[in-house]
Amino acid sequence: MQRVYITLQNDDKIAIYNLDSATGNLTHQEDVAVPGGPAPFAVSPDNKHAYTGLRVGLKMVSFDIDSSSGSLTSTGSVGLESDPCYVSVDDTGNHLLSAYYKAGHLAVHPIDSEGALGKPATEWIGTRHKAHCLHTDASNSFAFLPHVGESNAIYQFKFDASTGSMTPNNPAIIEAPEGDGPRHYAYHPNGNFVYFDNEQGSSVTAYKFDSANGTLEAFQTLSTLPDDWTGDNSCAQIHISPSGEFLYASNRGHHSIAIYSVDPDSGEITSLGQKKTVGTPRAFDIDPTGNYMLVSGLDNGDLATYKIESSGQLTHLATQPVGNEPMWLHITDPID
């Protein structure tokens, strides 16, 4: 069994579900009230603590995760200067990283020895408007901050896990091709490649990752849409399977998940088409076993469950309502 956490911004709560690792069956466990519009969500590397950003209440909140039930108990909070659109925890579990769309900033908040928040940010760095994602690589030494819309750039940073400090890498900024709007990214498990989905460009760009220097070099871009699509669309999230064999990106407008196979040696991706899904699929996640995908839709608050086949294709299992404005999905490691 695996636990699923879904932030419901307009319901001011986090819904907790149980995912059957054998069948993909999803059952509701409980709702946790979180006033202030919970949106981005992250869990510590040891799965003992959780964090969410309140986009209305302008706070970052920490929780303890009950090891047996998965329930959340609030342990602390800290006020923010703007509303966060992304949060992640570094590999030490001592720092919470976050990105700020409206403010055009990144932040790093210290996490205390009990996994709680409460102290002001150790870093508050201005970049460009519409910053959207921030998480460290496998070495916990580097991070990237993509920007959508007119800002259209990726900032490259060095990260010091002992202090939580972020310093510009060299080069500090990658200017994306006009109209791309890099939004979110996923590291390949082999550490050699990073994949960004482009919000305005409705595409995925593959980058070679210099793991010694923490820098990126683009080498391929593919559309997330079928050739005959003429409507409006924007990309939201991107995830790679635990094996690194398959890559997925969500299309808002075409209402689908774009599917790619990944060559582990070259890093090149090949389109395997799109799977139609719930309306405006902003948030989705792949379970740590690589067997299931959950996709949430902003239009009607629906949640779709898919079996990930050995081919990378998605087989629909069920769709159910979860609440108003699901903003984030997180599936835990399997629980005994």
C-alpha atoms as a PDB file:
ATOM      1  CA  MET A   1       0.000   0.000   0.000  1.00  0.00           C
ATOM      2  CA  GLN A   2       1.054   3.556  -0.731  1.00  0.00           C
ATOM      3  CA  ARG A   3      -0.313   6.832   0.598  1.00  0.00           C
ATOM      4  CA  VAL A   4      -1.441   9.639  -1.670  1.00  0.00           C
ATOM      5  CA  TYR A   5      -1.593  13.292  -0.606  1.00  0.00           C
ATOM      6  CA  ILE A   6      -3.670  15.736  -2.687  1.00  0.00           C
ATOM      7  CA  THR A   7      -3.754  19.455  -1.904  1.00  0.00           C
ATOM      8  CA  LEU A   8      -7.175  21.000  -2.600  1.00  0.00           C
ATOM      9  CA  GLN A   9      -6.659  24.746  -2.722  1.00  0.00           C
ATOM     10  CA  ASN A  10     -10.287  25.824  -2.865  1.00  0.00           C
ATOM     11  CA  ASP A  11     -11.360  23.336  -0.190  1.00  0.00           C
ATOM     12  CA  ASP A  12      -8.615  24.418   2.240  1.00  0.00           C
ATOM     13  CA  LYS A  13      -7.604  20.836   2.909  1.00  0.00           C
ATOM     14  CA  ILE A  14      -5.249  17.992   2.069  1.00  0.00           C
ATOM     15  CA  ALA A  15      -6.971  14.745   1.096  1.00  0.00           C
ATOM     16  CA  ILE A  16      -5.248  11.478   2.018  1.00  0.00           C
ATOM     17  CA  TYR A  17      -5.888   8.316  -0.008  1.00  0.00           C
ATOM     18  CA  ASN A  18      -4.552   4.768   0.082  1.00  0.00           C
ATOM     19  CA  LEU A  19      -3.284   3.236  -3.157  1.00  0.00           C
ATOM     20  CA  ASP A  20      -3.295  -0.563  -3.364  1.00  0.00           C
ATOM     21  CA  SER A  21       0.088  -1.474  -4.847  1.00  0.00           C
ATOM     22  CA  ALA A  22      -1.283  -4.729  -6.266  1.00  0.00           C
ATOM     23  CA  THR A  23      -4.473  -3.508  -7.936  1.00  0.00           C
ATOM     24  CA  GLY A  24      -4.235   0.272  -8.241  1.00  0.00           C
ATOM     25  CA  ASN A  25      -7.440   0.637  -6.232  1.00  0.00           C
ATOM     26  CA  LEU A  26      -7.680   4.030  -4.557  1.00  0.00           C
ATOM     27  CA  THR A  27      -9.629   4.565  -1.324  1.00  0.00           C
ATOM     28  CA  HIS A  28     -10.193   7.755   0.634  1.00  0.00           C
ATOM     29  CA  GLN A  29      -8.763   7.759   4.160  1.00  0.00           C
ATOM     30  CA  GLU A  30      -9.308  11.257   5.550  1.00  0.00           C
ATOM     31  CA  ASP A  31      -9.124  14.996   4.953  1.00  0.00           C
ATOM     32  CA  VAL A  32      -6.860  17.350   6.886  1.00  0.00           C
ATOM     33  CA  ALA A  33      -8.055  20.942   7.210  1.00  0.00           C
ATOM     34  CA  VAL A  34      -5.400  23.430   6.082  1.00  0.00           C
ATOM     35  CA  PRO A  35      -6.838  26.977   5.898  1.00  0.00           C
ATOM     36  CA  GLY A  36      -5.158  29.350   3.487  1.00  0.00           C
ATOM     37  CA  GLY A  37      -5.220  27.537   0.148  1.00  0.00           C
ATOM     38  CA  PRO A  38      -2.689  24.676   0.254  1.00  0.00           C
ATOM     39  CA  ALA A  39      -1.024  24.122  -3.114  1.00  0.00           C
ATOM     40  CA  PRO A  40       2.583  22.948  -3.640  1.00  0.00           C
ATOM     41  CA  PHE A  41       3.481  19.970  -1.466  1.00  0.00           C
ATOM     42  CA  ALA A  42       6.624  18.012  -0.617  1.00  0.00           C
ATOM     43  CA  VAL A  43       7.734  15.206   1.692  1.00  0.00           C
ATOM     44  CA  SER A  44      11.079  14.796   3.447  1.00  0.00           C
ATOM     45  CA  PRO A  45      13.512  12.119   2.203  1.00  0.00           C
ATOM     46  CA  ASP A  46      12.754   9.922   5.239  1.00  0.00           C
ATOM     47  CA  ASN A  47       8.955  10.243   4.668  1.00  0.00           C
ATOM     48  CA  LYS A  48       8.472  11.506   8.239  1.00  0.00           C
ATOM     49  CA  HIS A  49       7.566  15.130   7.489  1.00  0.00           C
ATOM     50  CA  ALA A  50       5.500  17.020   4.927  1.00  0.00           C
ATOM     51  CA  TYR A  51       5.354  20.636   3.784  1.00  0.00           C
ATOM     52  CA  THR A  52       2.846  22.744   1.884  1.00  0.00           C
ATOM     53  CA  GLY A  53       2.734  26.323   0.689  1.00  0.00           C
ATOM     54  CA  LEU A  54      -0.405  28.380   1.287  1.00  0.00           C
ATOM     55  CA  ARG A  55      -1.025  30.517  -1.789  1.00  0.00           C
ATOM     56  CA  VAL A  56      -3.804  32.548  -0.145  1.00  0.00           C
ATOM     57  CA  GLY A  57      -2.576  32.579   3.466  1.00  0.00           C
ATOM     58  CA  LEU A  58       1.048  33.270   2.392  1.00  0.00           C
ATOM     59  CA  LYS A  59       2.604  30.752   4.749  1.00  0.00           C
ATOM     60  CA  MET A  60       4.711  27.638   4.579  1.00  0.00           C
ATOM     61  CA  VAL A  61       3.416  24.893   6.895  1.00  0.00           C
ATOM     62  CA  SER A  62       5.180  21.767   8.197  1.00  0.00           C
ATOM     63  CA  PHE A  63       3.611  18.490   9.352  1.00  0.00           C
ATOM     64  CA  ASP A  64       4.634  15.269  11.039  1.00  0.00           C
ATOM     65  CA  ILE A  65       3.507  12.159   9.143  1.00  0.00           C
ATOM     66  CA  ASP A  66       2.183   9.364  11.345  1.00  0.00           C
ATOM     67  CA  SER A  67       4.209   6.283  10.425  1.00  0.00           C
ATOM     68  CA  SER A  68       1.251   3.902  10.698  1.00  0.00           C
ATOM     69  CA  SER A  69      -1.721   5.922   9.481  1.00  0.00           C
ATOM     70  CA  GLY A  70      -0.107   8.557   7.261  1.00  0.00           C
ATOM     71  CA  SER A  71      -2.094  11.279   9.027  1.00  0.00           C
ATOM     72  CA  LEU A  72      -0.694  14.800   9.154  1.00  0.00           C
ATOM     73  CA  THR A  73      -0.147  16.839  12.319  1.00  0.00           C
ATOM     74  CA  SER A  74       0.896  20.475  11.942  1.00  0.00           C
ATOM     75  CA  THR A  75       4.241  21.255  13.596  1.00  0.00           C
ATOM     76  CA  GLY A  76       5.045  24.784  12.517  1.00  0.00           C
ATOM     77  CA  SER A  77       4.692  27.560   9.986  1.00  0.00           C
ATOM     78  CA  VAL A  78       6.491  30.604   8.673  1.00  0.00           C
ATOM     79  CA  GLY A  79       5.141  33.675   6.903  1.00  0.00           C
ATOM     80  CA  LEU A  80       6.027  34.348   3.269  1.00  0.00           C
ATOM     81  CA  GLU A  81       6.520  37.477   1.202  1.00  0.00           C
ATOM     82  CA  SER A  82       4.594  36.027  -1.742  1.00  0.00           C
ATOM     83  CA  ASP A  83       2.635  32.935  -2.744  1.00  0.00           C
ATOM     84  CA  PRO A  84       4.754  29.845  -3.563  1.00  0.00           C
ATOM     85  CA  CYS A  85       4.108  27.711  -6.638  1.00  0.00           C
ATOM     86  CA  TYR A  86       6.664  24.964  -5.911  1.00  0.00           C
ATOM     87  CA  VAL A  87       8.335  23.422  -2.857  1.00  0.00           C
ATOM     88  CA  SER A  88      10.913  20.652  -2.423  1.00  0.00           C
ATOM     89  CA  VAL A  89      13.134  19.283   0.342  1.00  0.00           C
ATOM     90  CA  ASP A  90      16.867  18.871  -0.161  1.00  0.00           C
ATOM     91  CA  ASP A  91      18.457  15.448   0.368  1.00  0.00           C
ATOM     92  CA  THR A  92      19.617  16.235   3.919  1.00  0.00           C
ATOM     93  CA  GLY A  93      16.064  17.102   4.983  1.00  0.00           C
ATOM     94  CA  ASN A  94      17.411  20.323   6.512  1.00  0.00           C
ATOM     95  CA  HIS A  95      16.294  22.825   3.870  1.00  0.00           C
ATOM     96  CA  LEU A  96      12.997  23.608   2.137  1.00  0.00           C
ATOM     97  CA  LEU A  97      13.394  25.097  -1.340  1.00  0.00           C
ATOM     98  CA  SER A  98      10.601  27.071  -2.989  1.00  0.00           C
ATOM     99  CA  ALA A  99       9.802  29.091  -6.125  1.00  0.00           C
ATOM    100  CA  TYR A 100       7.594  32.201  -6.405  1.00  0.00           C
ATOM    101  CA  TYR A 101       5.728  32.900  -9.639  1.00  0.00           C
ATOM    102  CA  LYS A 102       4.415  36.395  -8.923  1.00  0.00           C
ATOM    103  CA  ALA A 103       7.425  37.610  -6.961  1.00  0.00           C
ATOM    104  CA  GLY A 104      10.039  36.153  -9.304  1.00  0.00           C
ATOM    105  CA  HIS A 105      12.122  34.761  -6.451  1.00  0.00           C
ATOM    106  CA  LEU A 106      13.456  31.590  -4.917  1.00  0.00           C
ATOM    107  CA  ALA A 107      13.672  30.894  -1.192  1.00  0.00           C
ATOM    108  CA  VAL A 108      15.394  28.455   1.133  1.00  0.00           C
ATOM    109  CA  HIS A 109      13.911  27.906   4.615  1.00  0.00           C
ATOM    110  CA  PRO A 110      15.704  26.057   7.412  1.00  0.00           C
ATOM    111  CA  ILE A 111      14.067  22.894   8.753  1.00  0.00           C
ATOM    112  CA  ASP A 112      14.831  22.155  12.410  1.00  0.00           C
ATOM    113  CA  SER A 113      15.972  18.830  13.872  1.00  0.00           C
ATOM    114  CA  GLU A 114      12.335  17.825  14.448  1.00  0.00           C
ATOM    115  CA  GLY A 115      11.400  18.453  10.832  1.00  0.00           C
ATOM    116  CA  ALA A 116       9.504  21.666  11.575  1.00  0.00           C
ATOM    117  CA  LEU A 117       9.457  25.140  10.039  1.00  0.00           C
ATOM    118  CA  GLY A 118       9.447  28.372  11.991  1.00  0.00           C
ATOM    119  CA  LYS A 119      12.486  30.445  11.095  1.00  0.00           C
ATOM    120  CA  PRO A 120      12.740  33.036   8.297  1.00  0.00           C
ATOM    121  CA  ALA A 121      14.282  32.158   4.964  1.00  0.00           C
ATOM    122  CA  THR A 122      18.060  31.906   4.801  1.00  0.00           C
ATOM    123  CA  GLU A 123      17.857  32.792   1.097  1.00  0.00           C
ATOM    124  CA  TRP A 124      15.443  35.102  -0.758  1.00  0.00           C
ATOM    125  CA  ILE A 125      16.877  35.669  -4.217  1.00  0.00           C
ATOM    126  CA  GLY A 126      15.242  37.688  -6.962  1.00  0.00           C
ATOM    127  CA  THR A 127      15.450  36.333 -10.504  1.00  0.00           C
ATOM    128  CA  ARG A 128      12.691  37.033 -13.037  1.00  0.00           C
ATOM    129  CA  HIS A 129       8.917  37.132 -13.021  1.00  0.00           C
ATOM    130  CA  LYS A 130       7.114  33.748 -13.237  1.00  0.00           C
ATOM    131  CA  ALA A 131       9.700  31.502 -11.573  1.00  0.00           C
ATOM    132  CA  HIS A 132       8.170  28.025 -11.357  1.00  0.00           C
ATOM    133  CA  CYS A 133      10.242  25.103 -10.016  1.00  0.00           C
ATOM    134  CA  LEU A 134      13.275  24.383  -7.813  1.00  0.00           C
ATOM    135  CA  HIS A 135      14.800  21.095  -6.672  1.00  0.00           C
ATOM    136  CA  THR A 136      18.307  19.710  -6.260  1.00  0.00           C
ATOM    137  CA  ASP A 137      20.086  17.041  -8.277  1.00  0.00           C
ATOM    138  CA  ALA A 138      21.199  13.624  -6.974  1.00  0.00           C
ATOM    139  CA  SER A 139      24.419  15.080  -5.547  1.00  0.00           C
ATOM    140  CA  ASN A 140      22.402  17.749  -3.680  1.00  0.00           C
ATOM    141  CA  SER A 141      24.874  20.295  -5.054  1.00  0.00           C
ATOM    142  CA  PHE A 142      22.990  21.996  -7.898  1.00  0.00           C
ATOM    143  CA  ALA A 143      19.507  23.284  -8.702  1.00  0.00           C
ATOM    144  CA  PHE A 144      17.692  24.995 -11.573  1.00  0.00           C
ATOM    145  CA  LEU A 145      14.977  27.651 -11.563  1.00  0.00           C
ATOM    146  CA  PRO A 146      12.936  27.788 -14.797  1.00  0.00           C
ATOM    147  CA  HIS A 147      10.733  30.765 -15.721  1.00  0.00           C
ATOM    148  CA  VAL A 148       7.684  30.709 -17.994  1.00  0.00           C
ATOM    149  CA  GLY A 149       6.052  33.384 -20.146  1.00  0.00           C
ATOM    150  CA  GLU A 150       8.025  36.428 -21.167  1.00  0.00           C
ATOM    151  CA  SER A 151      10.831  35.635 -18.701  1.00  0.00           C
ATOM    152  CA  ASN A 152      11.604  32.423 -20.619  1.00  0.00           C
ATOM    153  CA  ALA A 153      14.847  31.374 -18.939  1.00  0.00           C
ATOM    154  CA  ILE A 154      16.523  28.780 -16.723  1.00  0.00           C
ATOM    155  CA  TYR A 155      18.701  29.998 -13.851  1.00  0.00           C
ATOM    156  CA  GLN A 156      21.516  27.670 -12.780  1.00  0.00           C
ATOM    157  CA  PHE A 157      22.570  27.562  -9.111  1.00  0.00           C
ATOM    158  CA  LYS A 158      25.110  25.884  -6.881  1.00  0.00           C
ATOM    159  CA  PHE A 159      23.616  24.664  -3.603  1.00  0.00           C
ATOM    160  CA  ASP A 160      25.495  24.347  -0.316  1.00  0.00           C
ATOM    161  CA  ALA A 161      23.707  21.712   1.769  1.00  0.00           C
ATOM    162  CA  SER A 162      25.597  22.662   4.909  1.00  0.00           C
ATOM    163  CA  THR A 163      24.249  26.224   4.930  1.00  0.00           C
ATOM    164  CA  GLY A 164      21.344  26.204   2.463  1.00  0.00           C
ATOM    165  CA  SER A 165      22.959  28.933   0.385  1.00  0.00           C
ATOM    166  CA  MET A 166      22.324  29.324  -3.348  1.00  0.00           C
ATOM    167  CA  THR A 167      24.959  30.936  -5.571  1.00  0.00           C
ATOM    168  CA  PRO A 168      24.802  31.534  -9.339  1.00  0.00           C
ATOM    169  CA  ASN A 169      26.567  28.940 -11.449  1.00  0.00           C
ATOM    170  CA  ASN A 170      28.554  29.723 -14.608  1.00  0.00           C
ATOM    171  CA  PRO A 171      26.741  30.518 -16.784  1.00  0.00           C
ATOM    172  CA  ALA A 172      24.107  31.824 -14.399  1.00  0.00           C
ATOM    173  CA  ILE A 173      21.301  31.946 -16.987  1.00  0.00           C
ATOM    174  CA  ILE A 174      20.208  29.909 -19.999  1.00  0.00           C
ATOM    175  CA  GLU A 175      17.966  31.888 -22.341  1.00  0.00           C
ATOM    176  CA  ALA A 176      15.387  29.503 -23.819  1.00  0.00           C
ATOM    177  CA  PRO A 177      14.233  29.752 -27.455  1.00  0.00           C
ATOM    178  CA  GLU A 178      11.545  32.400 -27.888  1.00  0.00           C
ATOM    179  CA  GLY A 179       8.095  31.205 -26.852  1.00  0.00           C
ATOM    180  CA  ASP A 180       9.192  28.085 -24.955  1.00  0.00           C
ATOM    181  CA  GLY A 181       8.592  29.023 -21.300  1.00  0.00           C
ATOM    182  CA  PRO A 182      10.425  26.253 -19.385  1.00  0.00           C
ATOM    183  CA  ARG A 183       8.239  25.347 -16.384  1.00  0.00           C
ATOM    184  CA  HIS A 184       9.105  22.115 -14.522  1.00  0.00           C
ATOM    185  CA  TYR A 185      11.914  19.565 -14.847  1.00  0.00           C
ATOM    186  CA  ALA A 186      12.865  15.978 -14.059  1.00  0.00           C
ATOM    187  CA  TYR A 187      16.321  14.482 -13.577  1.00  0.00           C
ATOM    188  CA  HIS A 188      17.055  11.173 -15.296  1.00  0.00           C
ATOM    189  CA  PRO A 189      17.919   8.482 -12.713  1.00  0.00           C
ATOM    190  CA  ASN A 190      21.306   7.904 -14.388  1.00  0.00           C
ATOM    191  CA  GLY A 191      22.280  11.518 -13.639  1.00  0.00           C
ATOM    192  CA  ASN A 192      23.243  12.403 -17.206  1.00  0.00           C
ATOM    193  CA  PHE A 193      20.145  14.226 -18.442  1.00  0.00           C
ATOM    194  CA  VAL A 194      17.468  16.691 -17.336  1.00  0.00           C
ATOM    195  CA  TYR A 195      14.096  17.151 -19.052  1.00  0.00           C
ATOM    196  CA  PHE A 196      12.098  20.400 -18.999  1.00  0.00           C
ATOM    197  CA  ASP A 197       8.536  20.815 -20.180  1.00  0.00           C
ATOM    198  CA  ASN A 198       7.842  24.137 -21.904  1.00  0.00           C
ATOM    199  CA  GLU A 199       4.582  25.770 -20.800  1.00  0.00           C
ATOM    200  CA  GLN A 200       4.016  28.072 -23.766  1.00  0.00           C
ATOM    201  CA  GLY A 201       5.917  25.944 -26.277  1.00  0.00           C
ATOM    202  CA  SER A 202       3.879  22.780 -25.559  1.00  0.00           C
ATOM    203  CA  SER A 203       7.077  20.780 -25.812  1.00  0.00           C
ATOM    204  CA  VAL A 204       9.758  18.925 -23.876  1.00  0.00           C
ATOM    205  CA  THR A 205      13.438  19.833 -24.124  1.00  0.00           C
ATOM    206  CA  ALA A 206      16.176  17.346 -23.260  1.00  0.00           C
ATOM    207  CA  TYR A 207      19.393  18.686 -21.742  1.00  0.00           C
ATOM    208  CA  LYS A 208      22.750  17.057 -21.165  1.00  0.00           C
ATOM    209  CA  PHE A 209      23.659  17.479 -17.506  1.00  0.00           C
ATOM    210  CA  ASP A 210      27.284  18.086 -16.570  1.00  0.00           C
ATOM    211  CA  SER A 211      27.121  16.581 -13.092  1.00  0.00           C
ATOM    212  CA  ALA A 212      30.606  17.823 -12.189  1.00  0.00           C
ATOM    213  CA  ASN A 213      29.812  21.466 -12.925  1.00  0.00           C
ATOM    214  CA  GLY A 214      26.018  21.448 -12.590  1.00  0.00           C
ATOM    215  CA  THR A 215      25.307  22.954 -15.997  1.00  0.00           C
ATOM    216  CA  LEU A 216      22.881  22.168 -18.817  1.00  0.00           C
ATOM    217  CA  GLU A 217      23.188  21.899 -22.603  1.00  0.00           C
ATOM    218  CA  ALA A 218      20.041  21.486 -24.718  1.00  0.00           C
ATOM    219  CA  PHE A 219      20.132  18.888 -27.494  1.00  0.00           C
ATOM    220  CA  GLN A 220      16.545  17.958 -28.406  1.00  0.00           C
ATOM    221  CA  THR A 221      13.009  19.390 -28.295  1.00  0.00           C
ATOM    222  CA  LEU A 222       9.809  17.502 -29.134  1.00  0.00           C
ATOM    223  CA  SER A 223       6.178  18.618 -29.105  1.00  0.00           C
ATOM    224  CA  THR A 224       3.783  17.319 -26.470  1.00  0.00           C
ATOM    225  CA  LEU A 225       0.885  17.502 -28.955  1.00  0.00           C
ATOM    226  CA  PRO A 226      -0.326  15.505 -31.957  1.00  0.00           C
ATOM    227  CA  ASP A 227       0.545  17.021 -35.330  1.00  0.00           C
ATOM    228  CA  ASP A 228      -3.082  17.859 -36.150  1.00  0.00           C
ATOM    229  CA  TRP A 229      -3.831  19.773 -32.918  1.00  0.00           C
ATOM    230  CA  THR A 230      -4.770  23.435 -33.549  1.00  0.00           C
ATOM    231  CA  GLY A 231      -6.295  24.534 -30.230  1.00  0.00           C
ATOM    232  CA  ASP A 232      -4.785  26.386 -27.290  1.00  0.00           C
ATOM    233  CA  ASN A 233      -2.565  24.416 -24.945  1.00  0.00           C
ATOM    234  CA  SER A 234      -0.026  24.827 -22.167  1.00  0.00           C
ATOM    235  CA  CYS A 235       2.118  22.297 -20.334  1.00  0.00           C
ATOM    236  CA  ALA A 236       2.049  21.852 -16.552  1.00  0.00           C
ATOM    237  CA  GLN A 237       4.105  19.113 -14.879  1.00  0.00           C
ATOM    238  CA  ILE A 238       6.682  16.584 -16.054  1.00  0.00           C
ATOM    239  CA  HIS A 239       7.691  13.271 -14.449  1.00  0.00           C
ATOM    240  CA  ILE A 240      10.033  10.433 -15.343  1.00  0.00           C
ATOM    241  CA  SER A 241       9.453   6.789 -14.442  1.00  0.00           C
ATOM    242  CA  PRO A 242      11.660   5.376 -11.645  1.00  0.00           C
ATOM    243  CA  SER A 243      13.392   3.164 -14.220  1.00  0.00           C
ATOM    244  CA  GLY A 244      14.142   6.156 -16.458  1.00  0.00           C
ATOM    245  CA  GLU A 245      12.538   4.371 -19.418  1.00  0.00           C
ATOM    246  CA  PHE A 246       9.571   6.707 -19.872  1.00  0.00           C
ATOM    247  CA  LEU A 247       8.850  10.418 -19.594  1.00  0.00           C
ATOM    248  CA  TYR A 248       5.444  12.078 -19.197  1.00  0.00           C
ATOM    249  CA  ALA A 249       4.175  15.677 -19.440  1.00  0.00           C
ATOM    250  CA  SER A 250       0.675  17.059 -18.897  1.00  0.00           C
ATOM    251  CA  ASN A 251      -1.181  19.091 -21.545  1.00  0.00           C
ATOM    252  CA  ARG A 252      -3.750  21.667 -20.428  1.00  0.00           C
ATOM    253  CA  GLY A 253      -6.002  22.362 -23.403  1.00  0.00           C
ATOM    254  CA  HIS A 254      -5.491  19.090 -25.212  1.00  0.00           C
ATOM    255  CA  HIS A 255      -6.281  17.519 -21.804  1.00  0.00           C
ATOM    256  CA  SER A 256      -3.798  14.693 -22.119  1.00  0.00           C
ATOM    257  CA  ILE A 257      -0.583  13.143 -20.880  1.00  0.00           C
ATOM    258  CA  ALA A 258       2.216  13.188 -23.457  1.00  0.00           C
ATOM    259  CA  ILE A 259       4.228   9.937 -23.400  1.00  0.00           C
ATOM    260  CA  TYR A 260       7.863   9.431 -24.428  1.00  0.00           C
ATOM    261  CA  SER A 261      10.364   6.611 -24.362  1.00  0.00           C
ATOM    262  CA  VAL A 262      13.878   7.540 -23.230  1.00  0.00           C
ATOM    263  CA  ASP A 263      17.168   6.205 -24.594  1.00  0.00           C
ATOM    264  CA  PRO A 264      19.360   5.850 -21.482  1.00  0.00           C
ATOM    265  CA  ASP A 265      22.616   6.201 -23.422  1.00  0.00           C
ATOM    266  CA  SER A 266      21.900   9.211 -25.626  1.00  0.00           C
ATOM    267  CA  GLY A 267      19.121  10.733 -23.505  1.00  0.00           C
ATOM    268  CA  GLU A 268      17.029  11.211 -26.634  1.00  0.00           C
ATOM    269  CA  ILE A 269      13.269  10.901 -26.296  1.00  0.00           C
ATOM    270  CA  THR A 270      10.779   9.427 -28.759  1.00  0.00           C
ATOM    271  CA  SER A 271       7.108  10.367 -28.732  1.00  0.00           C
ATOM    272  CA  LEU A 272       4.718   7.522 -27.973  1.00  0.00           C
ATOM    273  CA  GLY A 273       1.656   9.723 -28.426  1.00  0.00           C
ATOM    274  CA  GLN A 274      -0.785  11.157 -25.909  1.00  0.00           C
ATOM    275  CA  LYS A 275      -3.328   9.691 -23.511  1.00  0.00           C
ATOM    276  CA  LYS A 276      -6.533  11.706 -23.159  1.00  0.00           C
ATOM    277  CA  THR A 277      -7.386  12.363 -19.525  1.00  0.00           C
ATOM    278  CA  VAL A 278      -9.311  14.610 -17.121  1.00  0.00           C
ATOM    279  CA  GLY A 279      -9.927  18.288 -17.871  1.00  0.00           C
ATOM    280  CA  THR A 280      -6.954  20.615 -17.326  1.00  0.00           C
ATOM    281  CA  PRO A 281      -4.547  18.047 -15.877  1.00  0.00           C
ATOM    282  CA  ARG A 282      -2.303  20.334 -13.855  1.00  0.00           C
ATOM    283  CA  ALA A 283      -0.906  17.859 -11.305  1.00  0.00           C
ATOM    284  CA  PHE A 284       0.011  14.201 -11.682  1.00  0.00           C
ATOM    285  CA  ASP A 285       2.438  11.728 -10.168  1.00  0.00           C
ATOM    286  CA  ILE A 286       3.967   8.294 -10.751  1.00  0.00           C
ATOM    287  CA  ASP A 287       4.077   5.893  -7.836  1.00  0.00           C
ATOM    288  CA  PRO A 288       7.598   4.863  -6.682  1.00  0.00           C
ATOM    289  CA  THR A 289       7.145   1.312  -8.028  1.00  0.00           C
ATOM    290  CA  GLY A 290       6.523   2.712 -11.521  1.00  0.00           C
ATOM    291  CA  ASN A 291       3.290   0.753 -11.878  1.00  0.00           C
ATOM    292  CA  TYR A 292       0.649   3.489 -11.550  1.00  0.00           C
ATOM    293  CA  MET A 293      -0.016   7.090 -12.455  1.00  0.00           C
ATOM    294  CA  LEU A 294      -2.555   9.422 -10.851  1.00  0.00           C
ATOM    295  CA  VAL A 295      -3.761  12.507 -12.753  1.00  0.00           C
ATOM    296  CA  SER A 296      -5.898  15.291 -11.271  1.00  0.00           C
ATOM    297  CA  GLY A 297      -7.996  17.761 -13.224  1.00  0.00           C
ATOM    298  CA  LEU A 298      -8.734  21.361 -12.282  1.00  0.00           C
ATOM    299  CA  ASP A 299     -11.952  21.537 -14.326  1.00  0.00           C
ATOM    300  CA  ASN A 300     -14.111  19.212 -12.230  1.00  0.00           C
ATOM    301  CA  GLY A 301     -11.826  18.081  -9.417  1.00  0.00           C
ATOM    302  CA  ASP A 302     -11.537  14.588 -10.861  1.00  0.00           C
ATOM    303  CA  LEU A 303      -8.744  12.089 -10.238  1.00  0.00           C
ATOM    304  CA  ALA A 304      -7.880   9.412 -12.809  1.00  0.00           C
ATOM    305  CA  THR A 305      -5.880   6.266 -12.060  1.00  0.00           C
ATOM    306  CA  TYR A 306      -3.796   4.546 -14.759  1.00  0.00           C
ATOM    307  CA  LYS A 307      -1.771   1.360 -14.970  1.00  0.00           C
ATOM    308  CA  ILE A 308       1.627   2.029 -16.547  1.00  0.00           C
ATOM    309  CA  GLU A 309       2.220  -0.806 -18.995  1.00  0.00           C
ATOM    310  CA  SER A 310       5.634  -2.258 -19.872  1.00  0.00           C
ATOM    311  CA  SER A 311       5.394  -0.265 -23.127  1.00  0.00           C
ATOM    312  CA  GLY A 312       4.997   2.999 -21.196  1.00  0.00           C
ATOM    313  CA  GLN A 313       1.403   3.375 -22.365  1.00  0.00           C
ATOM    314  CA  LEU A 314      -1.350   4.163 -19.858  1.00  0.00           C
ATOM    315  CA  THR A 315      -4.382   1.953 -19.222  1.00  0.00           C
ATOM    316  CA  HIS A 316      -7.268   3.714 -17.505  1.00  0.00           C
ATOM    317  CA  LEU A 317      -8.471   2.020 -14.312  1.00  0.00           C
ATOM    318  CA  ALA A 318     -10.863   4.496 -12.681  1.00  0.00           C
ATOM    319  CA  THR A 319     -11.891   8.130 -12.320  1.00  0.00           C
ATOM    320  CA  GLN A 320     -13.384   9.659  -9.169  1.00  0.00           C
ATOM    321  CA  PRO A 321     -14.056  13.115  -7.710  1.00  0.00           C
ATOM    322  CA  VAL A 322     -11.568  14.378  -5.103  1.00  0.00           C
ATOM    323  CA  GLY A 323     -12.489  18.032  -4.456  1.00  0.00           C
ATOM    324  CA  ASN A 324     -12.109  21.620  -5.602  1.00  0.00           C
ATOM    325  CA  GLU A 325      -8.945  22.676  -7.414  1.00  0.00           C
ATOM    326  CA  PRO A 326      -6.487  19.831  -6.841  1.00  0.00           C
ATOM    327  CA  MET A 327      -3.105  21.529  -7.078  1.00  0.00           C
ATOM    328  CA  TRP A 328      -0.575  18.856  -6.117  1.00  0.00           C
ATOM    329  CA  LEU A 329      -0.243  15.068  -5.943  1.00  0.00           C
ATOM    330  CA  HIS A 330       2.344  13.115  -3.993  1.00  0.00           C
ATOM    331  CA  ILE A 331       2.542   9.312  -3.765  1.00  0.00           C
ATOM    332  CA  THR A 332       4.690   7.861  -0.970  1.00  0.00           C
ATOM    333  CA  ASP A 333       6.999   4.872  -1.042  1.00  0.00           C
ATOM    334  CA  PRO A 334       5.310   1.514  -0.412  1.00  0.00           C
ATOM    335  CA  ILE A 335       4.268   0.957   3.203  1.00  0.00           C
ATOM    336  CA  ASP A 336       4.455  -2.487   4.821  1.00  0.00           C
END
